[in-house]
Amino acid sequence: MHKPLDVAYIPMLEYEEAWNSQKSIVQQLDEGEGNERLLLLQHPPTYTIGSQNHPEHLLLSQEQLREQGISLFQIDRGGDITYHGPGQLVGYPLIVLGRDEDLDLHGYLRKLEQVIIDYLADQGVEAGRKEGYTGVWIGDLKIAAIGVKFNRCKRRRGFVTSHGFAFNIASGIQHEGFQGIVPCGIQQYGVTSLEDITGKAFSVELVAKEIVSYFSRHFSYDIRWVDEKEALHR
């Protein structure tokens, strides 16, 4: 019997609400309340700047951001600047690491990457890692970014994870929000999407539902699907 994991797919959620919900859930898990969770969702157009804090990698002015309807947040995950928007599957695992003797923060990042690598393999796409970088790559093109925060527990041993992965699904996403930034601070390489690589159409919701089994395979959870209200506010 594995640990329970509450999973929800949310078609569209404002970034600020998702971030606030993550912080609340992290606190609950630190206090031993509620189940661990995996939030799968899409955001409206949003840029987030991580702890590496390179504002120069944002190529748009505040006026241009307003004109294009793109929100901007300075947040507490690792990494540089990235884009979230429609057509991208964002995953926020909120799980406890280190309650046993297997605390491995580096290994957690590699497992997150492997979830997407394995999913892509079953779609006929050969993906992998790129030395010196995080995320999932197809040659010199990044298809999924990884950026997490390890929240050190105050009331128990270990850490609670927040933030997670951003998996590009829809065709053309690299010509939308990614054009306004230096993605993850990497100038020499580009980004791609599942539809552009395969030439096939994919539903973000279907990919979300399919990828959960890959997540549970690598992280050993029993999946329990819940609705948005229960996932965010319980």
Protein backbone atom coordinates (compact mmCIF):
# COMPACT_ATOMS: atom_id res chain seq x y z
CA MET A 1 0.00 0.00 0.00
CA HIS A 2 1.52 3.30 -1.13
CA LYS A 3 0.95 6.78 0.27
CA PRO A 4 -2.20 8.58 -0.95
CA LEU A 5 -1.81 11.46 -3.39
CA ASP A 6 -4.67 13.83 -4.17
CA VAL A 7 -4.54 14.88 -7.83
CA ALA A 8 -6.54 17.58 -9.60
CA TYR A 9 -6.61 18.98 -13.12
CA ILE A 10 -7.57 22.66 -13.28
CA PRO A 11 -8.13 23.99 -16.84
CA MET A 12 -7.08 27.56 -16.03
CA LEU A 13 -5.89 29.18 -12.79
CA GLU A 14 -4.44 32.61 -12.13
CA TYR A 15 -0.80 32.35 -11.10
CA GLU A 16 -1.20 34.26 -7.84
CA GLU A 17 -4.00 31.97 -6.64
CA ALA A 18 -1.92 28.90 -7.45
CA TRP A 19 1.11 30.30 -5.63
CA ASN A 20 -0.91 31.23 -2.54
CA SER A 21 -2.54 27.79 -2.50
CA GLN A 22 0.85 26.10 -2.69
CA LYS A 23 2.11 28.05 0.33
CA SER A 24 -1.00 27.12 2.30
CA ILE A 25 -0.72 23.43 1.39
CA VAL A 26 3.00 23.39 2.29
CA GLN A 27 2.13 24.67 5.74
CA GLN A 28 -0.61 22.06 6.15
CA LEU A 29 1.74 19.24 5.18
CA ASP A 30 4.41 20.55 7.55
CA GLU A 31 1.82 20.35 10.33
CA GLY A 32 0.86 16.81 9.32
CA GLU A 33 -2.56 17.77 7.96
CA GLY A 34 -4.14 16.53 4.73
CA ASN A 35 -2.82 14.43 1.88
CA GLU A 36 0.10 15.24 -0.36
CA ARG A 37 -1.04 16.64 -3.70
CA LEU A 38 -0.28 17.03 -7.37
CA LEU A 39 -1.85 20.07 -9.02
CA LEU A 40 -1.98 19.91 -12.82
CA LEU A 41 -3.15 23.05 -14.57
CA GLN A 42 -2.74 25.82 -17.10
CA HIS A 43 -2.04 29.48 -16.36
CA PRO A 44 -2.97 32.65 -18.23
CA PRO A 45 0.11 34.28 -19.83
CA THR A 46 2.61 34.80 -17.00
CA TYR A 47 6.33 35.34 -16.51
CA THR A 48 7.94 34.17 -13.29
CA ILE A 49 11.44 35.13 -12.15
CA GLY A 50 13.11 32.63 -9.81
CA SER A 51 15.81 32.98 -7.18
CA GLN A 52 18.63 33.46 -9.70
CA ASN A 53 16.99 36.89 -10.23
CA HIS A 54 18.09 38.13 -13.63
CA PRO A 55 15.53 40.80 -14.54
CA GLU A 56 17.59 41.61 -17.65
CA HIS A 57 16.34 38.32 -19.12
CA LEU A 58 12.89 39.92 -19.39
CA LEU A 59 12.94 41.61 -22.79
CA LEU A 60 9.63 43.50 -22.52
CA SER A 61 8.87 46.76 -20.78
CA GLN A 62 6.11 47.11 -18.19
CA GLU A 63 4.01 48.86 -20.85
CA GLN A 64 4.51 45.98 -23.29
CA LEU A 65 3.55 43.48 -20.59
CA ARG A 66 0.30 45.39 -19.99
CA GLU A 67 -0.42 45.61 -23.73
CA GLN A 68 0.10 41.88 -24.18
CA GLY A 69 -1.78 40.95 -21.00
CA ILE A 70 1.15 39.11 -19.42
CA SER A 71 1.51 39.02 -15.63
CA LEU A 72 4.92 39.11 -13.93
CA PHE A 73 5.88 37.57 -10.58
CA GLN A 74 9.14 37.41 -8.63
CA ILE A 75 8.84 34.07 -6.86
CA ASP A 76 10.63 31.74 -4.47
CA ARG A 77 11.53 28.76 -6.66
CA GLY A 78 14.98 28.05 -7.98
CA GLY A 79 16.02 28.97 -11.49
CA ASP A 80 15.74 31.97 -13.78
CA ILE A 81 12.84 33.43 -15.78
CA THR A 82 10.26 31.31 -17.56
CA TYR A 83 6.88 31.60 -19.24
CA HIS A 84 3.57 29.97 -18.36
CA GLY A 85 0.54 30.16 -20.59
CA PRO A 86 -2.31 28.33 -22.32
CA GLY A 87 -1.14 25.20 -24.09
CA GLN A 88 1.40 24.37 -21.40
CA LEU A 89 0.86 21.71 -18.71
CA VAL A 90 2.14 22.96 -15.37
CA GLY A 91 2.60 20.45 -12.56
CA TYR A 92 2.96 21.35 -8.88
CA PRO A 93 3.85 18.31 -6.73
CA LEU A 94 3.36 19.17 -3.05
CA ILE A 95 4.95 16.19 -1.36
CA VAL A 96 7.02 15.43 1.73
CA LEU A 97 10.64 14.39 1.23
CA GLY A 98 12.86 12.91 3.88
CA ARG A 99 10.42 11.41 6.34
CA ASP A 100 12.32 8.14 5.78
CA GLU A 101 16.05 7.74 5.24
CA ASP A 102 15.85 8.38 1.50
CA LEU A 103 16.15 12.18 1.46
CA ASP A 104 17.66 13.06 -1.92
CA LEU A 105 16.85 16.53 -3.22
CA HIS A 106 18.93 16.10 -6.36
CA GLY A 107 17.23 12.76 -7.00
CA TYR A 108 13.82 14.42 -6.76
CA LEU A 109 14.69 16.76 -9.64
CA ARG A 110 15.93 13.86 -11.76
CA LYS A 111 12.73 11.90 -11.06
CA LEU A 112 10.57 14.82 -12.16
CA GLU A 113 12.52 14.95 -15.41
CA GLN A 114 12.21 11.18 -15.83
CA VAL A 115 8.42 11.32 -15.55
CA ILE A 116 8.30 13.50 -18.66
CA ILE A 117 11.09 11.62 -20.46
CA ASP A 118 9.20 8.34 -20.03
CA TYR A 119 5.92 9.90 -21.14
CA LEU A 120 7.57 11.27 -24.27
CA ALA A 121 9.17 7.89 -25.01
CA ASP A 122 5.70 6.34 -25.15
CA GLN A 123 4.70 9.05 -27.63
CA GLY A 124 7.61 8.00 -29.85
CA VAL A 125 9.79 10.97 -28.86
CA GLU A 126 13.37 10.45 -27.71
CA ALA A 127 14.04 13.02 -25.00
CA GLY A 128 16.64 13.30 -22.28
CA ARG A 129 18.77 15.62 -20.18
CA LYS A 130 21.39 18.15 -21.21
CA GLU A 131 24.61 18.31 -19.24
CA GLY A 132 24.81 21.41 -17.11
CA TYR A 133 21.09 22.20 -17.36
CA THR A 134 17.85 21.12 -15.71
CA GLY A 135 14.69 20.20 -17.59
CA VAL A 136 13.83 17.84 -20.42
CA TRP A 137 15.46 18.31 -23.80
CA ILE A 138 15.07 17.06 -27.34
CA GLY A 139 18.45 17.74 -28.85
CA ASP A 140 19.13 21.44 -28.29
CA LEU A 141 15.47 22.32 -27.68
CA LYS A 142 13.90 22.36 -24.23
CA ILE A 143 10.40 20.89 -24.04
CA ALA A 144 9.93 21.01 -20.25
CA ALA A 145 11.37 23.30 -17.60
CA ILE A 146 11.92 22.26 -13.98
CA GLY A 147 11.96 24.78 -11.13
CA VAL A 148 11.26 23.79 -7.53
CA LYS A 149 11.49 24.97 -3.96
CA PHE A 150 12.38 22.68 -1.07
CA ASN A 151 10.56 24.10 1.96
CA ARG A 152 12.35 22.98 5.11
CA CYS A 153 9.83 21.62 7.62
CA LYS A 154 9.48 23.36 10.96
CA ARG A 155 7.44 20.71 12.76
CA ARG A 156 8.77 17.49 11.25
CA ARG A 157 11.85 16.10 9.56
CA GLY A 158 12.54 16.82 5.91
CA PHE A 159 11.15 19.14 3.28
CA VAL A 160 7.88 19.84 1.47
CA THR A 161 8.24 20.48 -2.26
CA SER A 162 6.52 23.28 -4.17
CA HIS A 163 6.53 24.58 -7.76
CA GLY A 164 7.54 21.86 -10.23
CA PHE A 165 7.50 21.44 -14.02
CA ALA A 166 6.18 23.24 -17.10
CA PHE A 167 5.66 20.93 -20.10
CA ASN A 168 5.03 22.64 -23.45
CA ILE A 169 2.17 20.94 -25.30
CA ALA A 170 0.63 23.27 -27.89
CA SER A 171 2.19 24.07 -31.25
CA GLY A 172 3.71 27.53 -31.58
CA ILE A 173 4.05 28.20 -27.86
CA GLN A 174 7.71 29.09 -28.40
CA HIS A 175 6.60 31.97 -30.65
CA GLU A 176 4.24 33.40 -28.04
CA GLY A 177 5.39 34.22 -24.51
CA PHE A 178 8.88 32.77 -24.86
CA GLN A 179 9.75 35.48 -27.39
CA GLY A 180 9.66 38.10 -24.64
CA ILE A 181 12.33 36.50 -22.44
CA VAL A 182 15.63 34.67 -22.45
CA PRO A 183 14.08 31.37 -21.29
CA CYS A 184 15.79 30.15 -18.11
CA GLY A 185 18.62 32.53 -18.99
CA ILE A 186 19.76 30.25 -21.82
CA GLN A 187 20.52 32.27 -24.95
CA GLN A 188 22.07 29.61 -27.16
CA TYR A 189 19.21 27.08 -27.15
CA GLY A 190 15.50 27.28 -27.92
CA VAL A 191 12.25 25.69 -26.79
CA THR A 192 9.76 23.38 -28.46
CA SER A 193 6.45 21.64 -27.77
CA LEU A 194 4.93 18.19 -27.96
CA GLU A 195 2.74 19.11 -30.94
CA ASP A 196 5.64 20.67 -32.85
CA ILE A 197 7.88 17.65 -32.29
CA THR A 198 5.27 15.03 -33.18
CA GLY A 199 3.12 16.87 -35.71
CA LYS A 200 0.06 15.58 -33.83
CA ALA A 201 -2.66 17.36 -31.85
CA PHE A 202 -2.78 16.89 -28.07
CA SER A 203 -5.24 17.98 -25.41
CA VAL A 204 -3.52 19.45 -22.35
CA GLU A 205 -6.14 17.81 -20.14
CA LEU A 206 -5.54 14.40 -21.72
CA VAL A 207 -1.77 14.72 -21.29
CA ALA A 208 -2.36 15.68 -17.64
CA LYS A 209 -4.48 12.59 -17.03
CA GLU A 210 -2.03 10.31 -18.80
CA ILE A 211 1.10 11.63 -17.11
CA VAL A 212 -0.20 10.89 -13.60
CA SER A 213 0.51 7.17 -13.97
CA TYR A 214 4.13 7.98 -14.84
CA PHE A 215 4.37 10.19 -11.76
CA SER A 216 2.99 7.49 -9.48
CA ARG A 217 5.38 4.96 -11.01
CA HIS A 218 8.43 7.02 -10.03
CA PHE A 219 7.12 8.36 -6.71
CA SER A 220 5.06 5.35 -5.49
CA TYR A 221 1.69 6.90 -4.66
CA ASP A 222 -1.89 5.70 -4.74
CA ILE A 223 -3.76 8.25 -6.85
CA ARG A 224 -7.02 9.85 -5.74
CA TRP A 225 -8.58 12.33 -8.16
CA VAL A 226 -10.24 15.31 -6.47
CA ASP A 227 -11.96 18.45 -7.72
CA GLU A 228 -10.44 21.93 -7.80
CA LYS A 229 -12.04 23.11 -4.57
CA GLU A 230 -10.83 20.14 -2.58
CA ALA A 231 -7.34 20.32 -4.09
CA LEU A 232 -6.78 24.01 -3.43
CA HIS A 233 -8.70 24.89 -0.30
CA ARG A 234 -8.96 21.87 1.96
